[in-house]
Amino acid sequence: MLKKILLSFLLIVLLLAGIVLYNTFTFTAPTENISARPAPELKAQAIKNFQEAISYPTISHGDPSLFDSTAFIAFRNFLERSYPLTHTTLQREIVAAYSLLYKWQGSNTALEPVVLMAHQDVVPIEEATQSMWTVDPFGGIVKDNFIWGRGTTDDKINLIAIMETVEKLLAENFTPARTVYLAFGHDEEIGGKGAIAIARLLKKRNIAAAFVLDEGGIITADKVPGMNKPVALLGTAEKGYLSLKLSVTAQGGHSSMPEKETAIDILAAALQRLRSQPFAPNFSEPMLGMMQSLGPEMSFVQRMAFANTWLFKKLILSTYAQSNTGDAMIRTTMVPTIIEAGIKDNVVPTVATAVVNFRLLPGHSSEAAIAEVKQKIKDERISITPLSTLAEASAVTPMKSFGYAKIAGAIQQSYPQIITSPFLVIGATDSRHFGEVSSNIIKFSPMIDPIGFHGIDERVSLESYKTACWFYENLLRELE
């Protein structure tokens, strides 16, 4: 009897091993390889235009009273002056006072149009870090084969590369097969009211785009663990955004006679319970697509794991959970960002509040997240109120969509030996407002390993700028 059990167990193990090995050796990437073509060298004027674009402090401040309209108007005038063919050939509209919408009429009106996006605004320079910058943040300095300054990576490289490409193609009397819309919002960094207005305008005109392309993933030469080839990360979905205000009211009074449990104690305990009980990890569709795309290019052990996620799911999830970035890719995250209580050191506050920010995994609704938060806290003394800044996770763009295929193909034409992969964008972009304009939204910036994103000494390489211009040219030429 024991022999039969052992033999059965051995057969099961061998069968399992056979399935795992078969899946591993037949595991191939879902996209075809396209040979790259050498990018033309950047013209001196193209570099000067990018430098000048950085010199305009088109800053989005949290405080609306600090908004400087003159910078945005000057930037608009710069675009008109620097790209004359674009402004005489394309139709341009000013939307929401400062956002820009261009229409480039295609040769085949039967084809659905496409939308290329970028945003004009940049984040402020923290006053405390002004002296830490190596260069003038708005000087547009070229040094060490990089262009330095606020907005180089986010997002003027995309905007200027698009404009340079359109101007070049117009000079060659090129007309795209599809109509192309250029949508340049002016306040992406503070919510994107300009992009919302553009999206509503396009919807009102019954524009249904074949795809929308906005900022998001990047090209990275060596930052994807396990990869020894460059990878282009195409954002096929964006996490949702939810902030909850937790409020507690309890007996306050003089600090010399405190209650056994104060409002701060109750709030702190609730926050601790939340942080100690993270949301369950899971594979979203972009994550599955990433494993399918990159797994075949990895070492045997990683390839085996990604080829057999049904068996190694827990191991993969636990590995990703070890880093902050990896953990954000596999679960809805939550973190307290604002805590307020007290007015004086000898007064126990009556009210304590906290704001907790959540980034929702695709498939995890805000309603479900709020219900889980209440269940984790389990304290009716705490009032939980959603703030107005709410956005559900975006729909997922399939890898087999027209937009994904065209954009992935243009990337492969523009950068040698590159692997393209889906990617979950964990931040927020203007394109989240375009769900009713297109069901195929890709979030990708054709730059290589940018430095200082939203930080000190923000900069992007000249190679990135050249690649970005070449990418947009290849994409526009292949829009049939």
Protein backbone atom coordinates (compact mmCIF):
# COMPACT_ATOMS: atom_id res chain seq x y z
CA MET A 1 0.00 0.00 0.00
CA LEU A 2 2.84 2.38 0.94
CA LYS A 3 4.58 1.60 -2.34
CA LYS A 4 1.47 2.53 -4.30
CA ILE A 5 1.18 5.82 -2.43
CA LEU A 6 4.85 6.63 -3.03
CA LEU A 7 4.57 5.65 -6.69
CA SER A 8 1.47 7.81 -7.13
CA PHE A 9 3.22 10.72 -5.42
CA LEU A 10 6.27 10.29 -7.67
CA LEU A 11 4.11 10.23 -10.77
CA ILE A 12 2.36 13.42 -9.67
CA VAL A 13 5.71 15.12 -9.06
CA LEU A 14 7.02 14.02 -12.45
CA LEU A 15 3.83 15.16 -14.18
CA LEU A 16 4.01 18.52 -12.41
CA ALA A 17 7.68 18.92 -13.31
CA GLY A 18 6.91 18.04 -16.91
CA ILE A 19 4.16 20.66 -17.13
CA VAL A 20 6.39 23.30 -15.55
CA LEU A 21 9.30 22.57 -17.88
CA TYR A 22 7.08 22.41 -20.96
CA ASN A 23 5.55 25.79 -20.10
CA THR A 24 9.02 27.23 -19.46
CA PHE A 25 10.62 26.08 -22.71
CA THR A 26 7.61 27.09 -24.85
CA PHE A 27 7.27 30.48 -23.12
CA THR A 28 7.62 33.19 -25.78
CA ALA A 29 6.91 36.92 -25.88
CA PRO A 30 3.54 37.89 -27.44
CA THR A 31 4.94 40.69 -29.64
CA GLU A 32 7.01 40.41 -32.80
CA ASN A 33 10.47 41.94 -33.12
CA ILE A 34 10.95 44.86 -35.51
CA SER A 35 14.39 46.06 -36.57
CA ALA A 36 15.42 49.55 -35.49
CA ARG A 37 16.46 52.24 -37.92
CA PRO A 38 19.22 54.73 -37.05
CA ALA A 39 17.83 58.01 -35.72
CA PRO A 40 18.92 61.19 -37.50
CA GLU A 41 21.09 63.54 -35.50
CA LEU A 42 19.45 66.40 -33.66
CA LYS A 43 19.65 69.76 -35.37
CA ALA A 44 21.10 72.61 -33.34
CA GLN A 45 17.83 74.54 -33.58
CA ALA A 46 15.87 71.60 -32.16
CA ILE A 47 18.12 71.65 -29.09
CA LYS A 48 17.79 75.42 -28.76
CA ASN A 49 14.01 75.12 -28.93
CA PHE A 50 13.98 72.59 -26.10
CA GLN A 51 16.27 74.82 -24.06
CA GLU A 52 14.00 77.80 -24.56
CA ALA A 53 10.92 75.75 -23.65
CA ILE A 54 12.47 75.04 -20.25
CA SER A 55 13.08 78.75 -19.65
CA TYR A 56 9.35 79.47 -19.26
CA PRO A 57 8.30 78.82 -15.63
CA THR A 58 4.90 77.32 -16.44
CA ILE A 59 4.40 76.26 -12.84
CA SER A 60 1.28 74.71 -11.37
CA HIS A 61 1.12 75.76 -7.72
CA GLY A 62 -1.16 74.21 -5.14
CA ASP A 63 -2.28 77.74 -4.29
CA PRO A 64 -4.29 79.17 -7.25
CA SER A 65 -3.32 82.72 -6.25
CA LEU A 66 0.27 81.97 -7.29
CA PHE A 67 -0.67 81.08 -10.88
CA ASP A 68 1.38 83.13 -13.36
CA SER A 69 -0.62 83.45 -16.57
CA THR A 70 2.16 85.44 -18.25
CA ALA A 71 4.46 82.39 -18.29
CA PHE A 72 1.84 80.29 -20.08
CA ILE A 73 1.07 83.02 -22.60
CA ALA A 74 4.79 83.49 -23.25
CA PHE A 75 5.17 79.74 -23.74
CA ARG A 76 2.26 79.75 -26.20
CA ASN A 77 3.89 82.62 -28.12
CA PHE A 78 7.16 80.67 -28.16
CA LEU A 79 5.40 77.70 -29.76
CA GLU A 80 3.84 79.94 -32.42
CA ARG A 81 7.18 81.54 -33.20
CA SER A 82 9.22 78.33 -33.21
CA TYR A 83 6.82 76.15 -35.19
CA PRO A 84 5.34 78.36 -37.92
CA LEU A 85 4.30 75.56 -40.30
CA THR A 86 2.43 73.81 -37.51
CA HIS A 87 0.52 76.97 -36.70
CA THR A 88 -0.37 77.78 -40.31
CA THR A 89 -1.36 74.22 -41.28
CA LEU A 90 -3.00 72.77 -38.19
CA GLN A 91 -6.16 74.13 -36.61
CA ARG A 92 -5.47 75.37 -33.08
CA GLU A 93 -7.91 76.10 -30.30
CA ILE A 94 -7.24 77.55 -26.86
CA VAL A 95 -9.26 75.59 -24.32
CA ALA A 96 -9.89 76.52 -20.68
CA ALA A 97 -7.89 79.74 -21.23
CA TYR A 98 -4.44 78.10 -21.47
CA SER A 99 -4.68 74.51 -22.73
CA LEU A 100 -4.03 73.89 -26.43
CA LEU A 101 -5.76 71.59 -28.91
CA TYR A 102 -4.42 71.15 -32.46
CA LYS A 103 -6.04 69.26 -35.30
CA TRP A 104 -3.93 67.87 -38.16
CA GLN A 105 -6.33 66.68 -40.85
CA GLY A 106 -5.48 63.22 -42.16
CA SER A 107 -5.71 62.02 -45.77
CA ASN A 108 -8.21 59.22 -45.03
CA THR A 109 -11.30 60.47 -43.20
CA ALA A 110 -12.63 56.91 -42.94
CA LEU A 111 -9.93 56.10 -40.40
CA GLU A 112 -10.35 56.88 -36.71
CA PRO A 113 -8.14 59.74 -35.48
CA VAL A 114 -5.46 59.51 -32.81
CA VAL A 115 -4.63 61.83 -29.92
CA LEU A 116 -1.09 62.68 -28.82
CA MET A 117 -0.89 64.32 -25.40
CA ALA A 118 1.58 66.22 -23.26
CA HIS A 119 1.25 68.94 -20.63
CA GLN A 120 2.74 72.40 -20.44
CA ASP A 121 2.95 72.80 -16.68
CA VAL A 122 5.69 71.79 -14.27
CA VAL A 123 5.92 71.38 -10.51
CA PRO A 124 7.44 74.17 -8.38
CA ILE A 125 10.98 74.26 -7.06
CA GLU A 126 10.97 73.79 -3.29
CA GLU A 127 12.38 76.95 -1.76
CA ALA A 128 14.62 74.94 0.56
CA THR A 129 16.23 73.16 -2.42
CA GLN A 130 16.94 76.22 -4.58
CA SER A 131 20.60 76.30 -3.53
CA MET A 132 20.97 72.56 -4.08
CA TRP A 133 20.49 72.78 -7.84
CA THR A 134 23.68 72.52 -9.88
CA VAL A 135 22.20 74.78 -12.56
CA ASP A 136 19.45 77.39 -12.89
CA PRO A 137 16.24 75.29 -12.82
CA PHE A 138 14.80 77.40 -15.64
CA GLY A 139 18.03 77.99 -17.53
CA GLY A 140 17.64 75.16 -20.04
CA ILE A 141 21.34 74.41 -19.64
CA VAL A 142 23.02 71.73 -21.81
CA LYS A 143 25.79 70.03 -19.85
CA ASP A 144 27.38 66.56 -19.92
CA ASN A 145 25.11 65.56 -22.84
CA PHE A 146 22.00 66.31 -20.79
CA ILE A 147 19.42 69.09 -20.92
CA TRP A 148 18.86 70.29 -17.35
CA GLY A 149 15.91 72.04 -15.79
CA ARG A 150 12.43 71.79 -14.33
CA GLY A 151 10.09 70.13 -16.81
CA THR A 152 12.73 68.45 -18.96
CA THR A 153 11.40 65.01 -18.00
CA ASP A 154 7.88 66.01 -16.97
CA ASP A 155 6.64 66.73 -19.55
CA LYS A 156 8.20 69.20 -21.97
CA ILE A 157 10.35 66.56 -23.66
CA ASN A 158 7.18 64.98 -25.05
CA LEU A 159 5.55 68.27 -25.98
CA ILE A 160 8.60 69.68 -27.75
CA ALA A 161 9.48 66.36 -29.44
CA ILE A 162 5.92 66.22 -30.84
CA MET A 163 6.12 69.80 -32.11
CA GLU A 164 9.58 69.28 -33.63
CA THR A 165 8.35 66.16 -35.42
CA VAL A 166 5.17 67.75 -36.79
CA GLU A 167 7.13 70.77 -38.04
CA LYS A 168 9.69 68.51 -39.74
CA LEU A 169 7.05 66.36 -41.45
CA LEU A 170 5.13 69.42 -42.63
CA ALA A 171 8.35 70.78 -44.18
CA GLU A 172 8.53 67.49 -46.13
CA ASN A 173 4.90 67.93 -47.29
CA PHE A 174 3.88 64.85 -45.31
CA THR A 175 0.23 64.27 -44.40
CA PRO A 176 -0.69 61.52 -41.93
CA ALA A 177 -3.22 58.90 -43.01
CA ARG A 178 -5.26 59.50 -39.86
CA THR A 179 -6.29 62.82 -38.40
CA VAL A 180 -4.04 63.65 -35.46
CA TYR A 181 -5.08 65.71 -32.45
CA LEU A 182 -2.41 67.27 -30.23
CA ALA A 183 -3.75 67.91 -26.72
CA PHE A 184 -1.53 69.96 -24.41
CA GLY A 185 -3.12 70.60 -21.01
CA HIS A 186 -1.87 73.39 -18.78
CA ASP A 187 -2.52 72.07 -15.25
CA GLU A 188 -1.86 68.32 -15.15
CA GLU A 189 0.14 68.63 -11.94
CA ILE A 190 -2.90 69.90 -10.02
CA GLY A 191 -5.70 67.75 -11.44
CA GLY A 192 -5.91 68.51 -15.14
CA LYS A 193 -8.92 70.80 -15.58
CA GLY A 194 -7.52 71.76 -18.97
CA ALA A 195 -7.36 68.13 -20.09
CA ILE A 196 -10.87 67.56 -18.75
CA ALA A 197 -12.12 70.46 -20.87
CA ILE A 198 -10.36 69.12 -23.98
CA ALA A 199 -11.77 65.62 -23.44
CA ARG A 200 -15.29 67.02 -23.04
CA LEU A 201 -14.87 69.07 -26.19
CA LEU A 202 -13.77 66.03 -28.22
CA LYS A 203 -16.61 63.94 -26.81
CA LYS A 204 -19.11 66.69 -27.68
CA ARG A 205 -17.83 66.54 -31.26
CA ASN A 206 -18.26 62.75 -31.29
CA ILE A 207 -14.53 62.14 -31.71
CA ALA A 208 -13.76 58.45 -31.15
CA ALA A 209 -10.00 57.98 -31.28
CA ALA A 210 -8.21 54.79 -32.31
CA PHE A 211 -5.83 55.47 -29.45
CA VAL A 212 -4.62 58.15 -27.05
CA LEU A 213 -0.92 58.43 -26.19
CA ASP A 214 0.17 60.34 -23.08
CA GLU A 215 3.12 60.33 -20.67
CA GLY A 216 3.67 57.32 -18.42
CA GLY A 217 6.22 54.53 -18.74
CA ILE A 218 9.75 55.11 -20.03
CA ILE A 219 12.66 53.35 -21.72
CA THR A 220 15.04 51.92 -19.17
CA ALA A 221 18.38 50.41 -20.02
CA ASP A 222 19.08 48.58 -16.77
CA LYS A 223 16.43 49.22 -14.14
CA VAL A 224 14.17 46.18 -14.65
CA PRO A 225 15.47 43.37 -12.40
CA GLY A 226 16.46 40.28 -14.35
CA MET A 227 16.66 42.04 -17.73
CA ASN A 228 19.89 42.58 -19.64
CA LYS A 229 18.18 44.28 -22.58
CA PRO A 230 16.58 47.73 -22.69
CA VAL A 231 12.86 47.73 -21.89
CA ALA A 232 10.12 50.14 -22.98
CA LEU A 233 7.34 50.21 -20.40
CA LEU A 234 3.97 51.02 -21.96
CA GLY A 235 1.38 52.01 -19.39
CA THR A 236 -1.80 50.15 -20.30
CA ALA A 237 -3.67 51.18 -17.15
CA GLU A 238 -3.46 53.71 -14.34
CA LYS A 239 -4.16 53.16 -10.67
CA GLY A 240 -7.13 54.91 -9.13
CA TYR A 241 -6.92 57.75 -6.63
CA LEU A 242 -8.83 57.99 -3.36
CA SER A 243 -8.28 60.07 -0.22
CA LEU A 244 -10.24 59.48 2.97
CA LYS A 245 -10.49 61.89 5.91
CA LEU A 246 -10.56 60.16 9.29
CA SER A 247 -12.00 62.32 12.09
CA VAL A 248 -12.23 61.67 15.83
CA THR A 249 -13.98 63.79 18.47
CA ALA A 250 -13.26 63.00 22.11
CA GLN A 251 -13.03 64.70 25.47
CA GLY A 252 -10.26 67.30 25.51
CA GLY A 253 -9.05 69.55 28.28
CA HIS A 254 -5.96 70.41 30.28
CA SER A 255 -2.91 68.24 29.59
CA SER A 256 -2.31 67.84 33.34
CA MET A 257 -5.47 65.72 33.63
CA PRO A 258 -5.70 63.67 30.44
CA GLU A 259 -8.40 61.11 29.75
CA LYS A 260 -7.41 57.46 29.52
CA GLU A 261 -7.84 57.67 25.75
CA THR A 262 -7.66 60.90 23.77
CA ALA A 263 -8.70 61.76 20.23
CA ILE A 264 -5.06 61.44 19.16
CA ASP A 265 -4.81 58.00 20.79
CA ILE A 266 -7.94 56.77 18.99
CA LEU A 267 -6.77 58.14 15.64
CA ALA A 268 -3.23 56.80 16.03
CA ALA A 269 -4.56 53.32 16.87
CA ALA A 270 -6.78 53.38 13.79
CA LEU A 271 -3.89 54.40 11.55
CA GLN A 272 -1.73 51.67 13.03
CA ARG A 273 -4.41 49.05 12.34
CA LEU A 274 -4.69 50.22 8.75
CA ARG A 275 -0.95 50.18 8.14
CA SER A 276 -0.55 46.75 9.73
CA GLN A 277 -3.26 45.25 7.49
CA PRO A 278 -2.33 46.08 3.87
CA PHE A 279 -4.72 45.20 1.06
CA ALA A 280 -4.28 41.75 -0.46
CA PRO A 281 -1.80 41.56 -3.36
CA ASN A 282 -2.88 40.42 -6.79
CA PHE A 283 -1.84 40.35 -10.43
CA SER A 284 -3.58 43.05 -12.46
CA GLU A 285 -3.86 42.64 -16.23
CA PRO A 286 -0.88 44.97 -16.92
CA MET A 287 1.21 42.95 -14.46
CA LEU A 288 0.30 39.71 -16.19
CA GLY A 289 1.19 41.31 -19.53
CA MET A 290 4.55 42.41 -18.15
CA MET A 291 5.38 38.89 -17.02
CA GLN A 292 4.35 37.49 -20.41
CA SER A 293 6.49 40.06 -22.25
CA LEU A 294 9.62 40.08 -20.08
CA GLY A 295 9.61 36.54 -18.68
CA PRO A 296 10.93 34.88 -21.87
CA GLU A 297 13.98 37.21 -21.80
CA MET A 298 14.94 36.47 -18.18
CA SER A 299 17.08 33.85 -16.49
CA PHE A 300 15.80 30.27 -16.39
CA VAL A 301 14.48 30.49 -12.81
CA GLN A 302 12.58 33.76 -13.42
CA ARG A 303 11.35 32.49 -16.76
CA MET A 304 10.05 29.34 -15.10
CA ALA A 305 8.22 31.34 -12.43
CA PHE A 306 6.59 33.73 -14.90
CA ALA A 307 5.65 30.88 -17.25
CA ASN A 308 3.88 29.10 -14.40
CA THR A 309 2.17 31.81 -12.37
CA TRP A 310 -0.55 29.31 -11.39
CA LEU A 311 2.11 27.54 -9.32
CA PHE A 312 4.49 30.33 -8.28
CA LYS A 313 2.02 33.18 -7.68
CA LYS A 314 2.70 33.50 -3.95
CA LEU A 315 6.45 33.46 -4.48
CA ILE A 316 6.27 36.16 -7.18
CA LEU A 317 3.98 38.36 -5.10
CA SER A 318 6.19 38.05 -2.02
CA THR A 319 9.24 38.99 -4.11
CA TYR A 320 7.57 42.11 -5.52
CA ALA A 321 6.31 43.09 -2.06
CA GLN A 322 9.89 43.49 -0.82
CA SER A 323 10.35 46.88 -2.52
CA ASN A 324 8.15 49.98 -2.39
CA THR A 325 7.86 50.19 -6.18
CA GLY A 326 7.21 46.49 -6.58
CA ASP A 327 4.63 46.48 -3.82
CA ALA A 328 2.77 49.36 -5.48
CA MET A 329 2.50 47.25 -8.64
CA ILE A 330 0.63 44.41 -6.95
CA ARG A 331 -1.76 45.97 -4.46
CA THR A 332 -3.85 48.97 -3.54
CA THR A 333 -1.58 51.08 -1.36
CA MET A 334 -2.59 53.31 1.54
CA VAL A 335 -0.58 55.82 3.53
CA PRO A 336 -1.41 58.71 5.92
CA THR A 337 -0.35 61.99 4.32
CA ILE A 338 -1.84 64.67 6.61
CA ILE A 339 -2.42 64.60 10.38
CA GLU A 340 -3.93 67.53 12.27
CA ALA A 341 -4.62 67.92 16.01
CA GLY A 342 -3.87 70.33 18.80
CA ILE A 343 -3.33 74.06 19.16
CA LYS A 344 -1.11 74.31 22.26
CA ASP A 345 1.29 72.07 24.12
CA ASN A 346 -0.76 72.02 27.33
CA VAL A 347 -4.18 71.48 25.74
CA VAL A 348 -5.47 68.00 24.88
CA PRO A 349 -7.26 68.41 21.53
CA THR A 350 -10.92 67.55 21.20
CA VAL A 351 -10.66 66.80 17.48
CA ALA A 352 -7.99 64.86 15.59
CA THR A 353 -8.06 64.24 11.85
CA ALA A 354 -5.95 62.41 9.29
CA VAL A 355 -6.01 62.12 5.52
CA VAL A 356 -5.12 58.70 4.14
CA ASN A 357 -4.28 58.42 0.44
CA PHE A 358 -5.04 55.27 -1.55
CA ARG A 359 -3.88 54.23 -5.02
CA LEU A 360 -6.38 51.68 -6.27
CA LEU A 361 -5.34 48.60 -8.22
CA PRO A 362 -7.34 48.01 -11.43
CA GLY A 363 -10.40 46.01 -10.48
CA HIS A 364 -10.44 47.38 -6.92
CA SER A 365 -13.20 49.97 -6.65
CA SER A 366 -13.23 52.90 -4.24
CA GLU A 367 -16.46 51.54 -2.75
CA ALA A 368 -14.80 48.22 -1.94
CA ALA A 369 -11.73 49.98 -0.55
CA ILE A 370 -13.82 52.15 1.79
CA ALA A 371 -15.73 49.09 3.02
CA GLU A 372 -12.42 47.33 3.77
CA VAL A 373 -11.09 50.37 5.60
CA LYS A 374 -14.13 50.42 7.87
CA GLN A 375 -13.74 46.71 8.53
CA LYS A 376 -10.04 47.09 9.36
CA ILE A 377 -10.57 50.04 11.72
CA LYS A 378 -13.64 48.62 13.47
CA ASP A 379 -14.23 51.76 15.52
CA GLU A 380 -17.50 53.66 15.20
CA ARG A 381 -15.96 56.68 16.92
CA ILE A 382 -14.03 57.40 13.74
CA SER A 383 -15.84 59.25 10.98
CA ILE A 384 -14.64 58.27 7.47
CA THR A 385 -15.32 60.74 4.65
CA PRO A 386 -14.10 60.51 1.03
CA LEU A 387 -12.53 63.71 -0.26
CA SER A 388 -13.48 65.13 -3.65
CA THR A 389 -10.25 64.00 -5.35
CA LEU A 390 -11.57 60.60 -6.42
CA ALA A 391 -10.77 58.67 -9.59
CA GLU A 392 -11.36 54.98 -10.13
CA ALA A 393 -8.59 52.93 -11.70
CA SER A 394 -8.60 53.29 -15.47
CA ALA A 395 -9.75 50.63 -17.90
CA VAL A 396 -6.98 48.37 -19.22
CA THR A 397 -5.82 48.70 -22.83
CA PRO A 398 -5.28 45.21 -24.30
CA MET A 399 -1.89 44.27 -25.72
CA LYS A 400 -3.64 43.14 -28.91
CA SER A 401 -5.18 46.56 -29.51
CA PHE A 402 -4.33 48.69 -32.55
CA GLY A 403 -2.81 51.41 -30.39
CA TYR A 404 -0.53 49.10 -28.42
CA ALA A 405 0.73 47.43 -31.59
CA LYS A 406 1.42 50.72 -33.39
CA ILE A 407 3.19 52.32 -30.43
CA ALA A 408 5.23 49.19 -29.64
CA GLY A 409 6.24 48.97 -33.29
CA ALA A 410 7.34 52.61 -33.39
CA ILE A 411 9.43 52.06 -30.25
CA GLN A 412 11.18 49.06 -31.78
CA GLN A 413 11.87 51.06 -34.94
CA SER A 414 13.39 53.86 -32.85
CA TYR A 415 15.61 52.03 -30.35
CA PRO A 416 17.77 48.98 -31.09
CA GLN A 417 17.23 45.59 -29.40
CA ILE A 418 14.45 46.84 -27.16
CA ILE A 419 11.74 44.78 -25.49
CA THR A 420 8.30 46.34 -25.14
CA SER A 421 6.08 45.49 -22.19
CA PRO A 422 2.79 46.51 -20.57
CA PHE A 423 3.14 48.45 -17.35
CA LEU A 424 0.86 49.67 -14.57
CA VAL A 425 1.19 53.44 -14.05
CA ILE A 426 1.05 54.06 -10.31
CA GLY A 427 0.78 57.86 -10.58
CA ALA A 428 -1.83 60.00 -12.37
CA THR A 429 -1.84 61.46 -15.89
CA ASP A 430 -4.11 63.72 -17.92
CA SER A 431 -5.11 60.75 -20.09
CA ARG A 432 -7.28 59.34 -17.31
CA HIS A 433 -9.88 61.90 -18.38
CA PHE A 434 -10.03 60.55 -21.96
CA GLY A 435 -11.82 57.27 -21.29
CA GLU A 436 -14.87 58.46 -23.25
CA VAL A 437 -12.70 59.57 -26.19
CA SER A 438 -10.95 56.22 -26.65
CA SER A 439 -10.96 52.77 -25.09
CA ASN A 440 -7.29 52.39 -26.02
CA ILE A 441 -5.05 54.66 -23.94
CA ILE A 442 -1.30 54.13 -23.74
CA LYS A 443 0.88 55.99 -21.26
CA PHE A 444 4.47 56.16 -22.49
CA SER A 445 7.25 58.76 -22.64
CA PRO A 446 10.01 57.91 -25.16
CA MET A 447 12.89 58.99 -22.91
CA ILE A 448 15.71 56.89 -21.48
CA ASP A 449 16.19 56.69 -17.71
CA PRO A 450 15.39 60.31 -16.79
CA ILE A 451 17.02 61.80 -13.69
CA GLY A 452 15.57 64.04 -10.98
CA PHE A 453 11.90 63.57 -11.81
CA HIS A 454 10.09 66.23 -9.71
CA GLY A 455 13.34 66.66 -7.80
CA ILE A 456 16.68 68.42 -7.72
CA ASP A 457 18.73 68.68 -10.94
CA GLU A 458 15.96 67.28 -13.13
CA ARG A 459 17.45 66.40 -16.49
CA VAL A 460 17.12 64.26 -19.58
CA SER A 461 19.81 63.12 -22.00
CA LEU A 462 20.22 64.45 -25.51
CA GLU A 463 19.99 60.83 -26.61
CA SER A 464 16.53 60.69 -25.04
CA TYR A 465 15.46 63.80 -26.93
CA LYS A 466 16.75 62.35 -30.19
CA THR A 467 14.96 59.05 -29.49
CA ALA A 468 11.73 60.87 -28.61
CA CYS A 469 11.71 62.85 -31.87
CA TRP A 470 12.51 59.71 -33.87
CA PHE A 471 9.78 57.73 -32.09
CA TYR A 472 7.08 60.28 -32.87
CA GLU A 473 8.21 60.45 -36.48
CA ASN A 474 8.06 56.69 -36.89
CA LEU A 475 4.66 56.59 -35.20
CA LEU A 476 3.14 59.33 -37.37
CA ARG A 477 4.50 57.81 -40.58
CA GLU A 478 2.93 54.42 -39.79
CA LEU A 479 -0.60 55.44 -38.85
CA GLU A 480 -2.39 53.56 -41.64
